[in-house]
Amino acid sequence: MQHQGHTLAAAPGIACLLRRTYKNIAEPAQDGDFDFVSYFECADADVPVFHDVCDALRDITRNPEWAFVREGPTWHGRRTATWAGLFS
């Protein structure tokens, strides 16, 4: 094996990361649009694992497929039980 690739680079997150992928209705996407959007969810304690997986996926020496990715904006949020918790 020369490279880990997508699957092995993401393996540390399998037990703790939830991923959803939403595909664009048009494939391939029109200019300026993205082919898909991925949504990830994890416990607060697992956020470092999420970042480690993202770093591994973006490392083209470990995951050469990333050379073909046009990455869009990243947004980080968290769930709370109350509105007050959202702003604390």
Protein backbone atom coordinates (compact mmCIF):
# COMPACT_ATOMS: atom_id res chain seq x y z
CA MET A 1 0.00 0.00 0.00
CA GLN A 2 1.45 3.34 -1.03
CA HIS A 3 -1.16 5.61 0.55
CA GLN A 4 -3.78 5.38 3.27
CA GLY A 5 -6.45 6.88 1.06
CA HIS A 6 -9.78 8.26 2.16
CA THR A 7 -10.97 5.21 4.09
CA LEU A 8 -7.93 4.63 6.28
CA ALA A 9 -7.30 8.35 6.80
CA ALA A 10 -10.83 8.68 8.22
CA ALA A 11 -10.77 5.43 10.24
CA PRO A 12 -10.09 7.05 13.66
CA GLY A 13 -13.41 8.90 13.39
CA ILE A 14 -15.62 5.91 12.61
CA ALA A 15 -16.61 5.28 16.22
CA CYS A 16 -17.35 8.88 17.18
CA LEU A 17 -18.26 10.97 14.11
CA LEU A 18 -21.65 11.13 12.44
CA ARG A 19 -21.51 12.17 8.80
CA ARG A 20 -24.27 13.13 6.40
CA THR A 21 -23.66 14.02 2.77
CA TYR A 22 -26.11 16.13 0.80
CA LYS A 23 -25.63 15.96 -2.97
CA ASN A 24 -26.40 18.72 -5.42
CA ILE A 25 -29.47 17.98 -7.53
CA ALA A 26 -27.47 18.68 -10.69
CA GLU A 27 -24.49 16.40 -11.28
CA PRO A 28 -22.00 17.66 -12.04
CA ALA A 29 -22.82 20.86 -10.20
CA GLN A 30 -23.00 24.08 -12.16
CA ASP A 31 -20.07 26.49 -12.09
CA GLY A 32 -19.85 28.16 -8.70
CA ASP A 33 -21.82 25.40 -6.95
CA PHE A 34 -20.56 22.40 -5.00
CA ASP A 35 -21.21 18.77 -5.91
CA PHE A 36 -22.03 17.96 -2.30
CA VAL A 37 -22.00 19.28 1.26
CA SER A 38 -20.95 17.12 4.20
CA TYR A 39 -22.31 17.59 7.71
CA PHE A 40 -20.45 16.12 10.68
CA GLU A 41 -21.59 15.76 14.26
CA CYS A 42 -19.71 14.56 17.36
CA ALA A 43 -19.55 14.93 21.12
CA ASP A 44 -17.53 17.87 22.45
CA ALA A 45 -14.87 15.44 23.70
CA ASP A 46 -14.41 14.10 20.16
CA VAL A 47 -13.80 17.45 18.43
CA PRO A 48 -10.01 16.82 18.42
CA VAL A 49 -10.63 13.51 16.62
CA PHE A 50 -12.72 15.38 14.03
CA HIS A 51 -9.87 17.82 13.42
CA ASP A 52 -7.33 14.97 13.21
CA VAL A 53 -9.48 13.20 10.62
CA CYS A 54 -9.87 16.43 8.61
CA ASP A 55 -6.10 16.96 8.68
CA ALA A 56 -5.48 13.38 7.54
CA LEU A 57 -7.98 13.71 4.70
CA ARG A 58 -6.43 17.00 3.52
CA ASP A 59 -2.89 15.54 3.56
CA ILE A 60 -2.32 14.57 -0.08
CA THR A 61 0.66 12.38 0.87
CA ARG A 62 -1.75 10.21 2.90
CA ASN A 63 -4.87 10.79 0.80
CA PRO A 64 -3.93 11.71 -2.80
CA GLU A 65 -7.62 12.00 -3.77
CA TRP A 66 -7.72 15.34 -1.92
CA ALA A 67 -5.73 16.92 -4.75
CA PHE A 68 -8.99 16.87 -6.74
CA VAL A 69 -11.12 18.51 -4.02
CA ARG A 70 -12.26 22.11 -4.22
CA GLU A 71 -13.03 22.78 -0.59
CA GLY A 72 -15.67 25.27 0.43
CA PRO A 73 -16.26 27.16 3.66
CA THR A 74 -16.25 25.39 7.01
CA TRP A 75 -18.67 26.24 9.79
CA HIS A 76 -18.41 24.95 13.36
CA GLY A 77 -21.33 24.94 15.75
CA ARG A 78 -22.60 23.08 18.77
CA ARG A 79 -25.90 21.79 20.03
CA THR A 80 -27.42 23.09 23.22
CA ALA A 81 -30.44 22.10 25.23
CA THR A 82 -31.72 25.68 25.62
CA TRP A 83 -31.58 29.03 23.87
CA ALA A 84 -29.69 30.43 26.84
CA GLY A 85 -27.07 27.71 26.41
CA LEU A 86 -26.57 28.74 22.82
CA PHE A 87 -25.31 32.16 23.86
CA SER A 88 -23.31 31.16 26.94
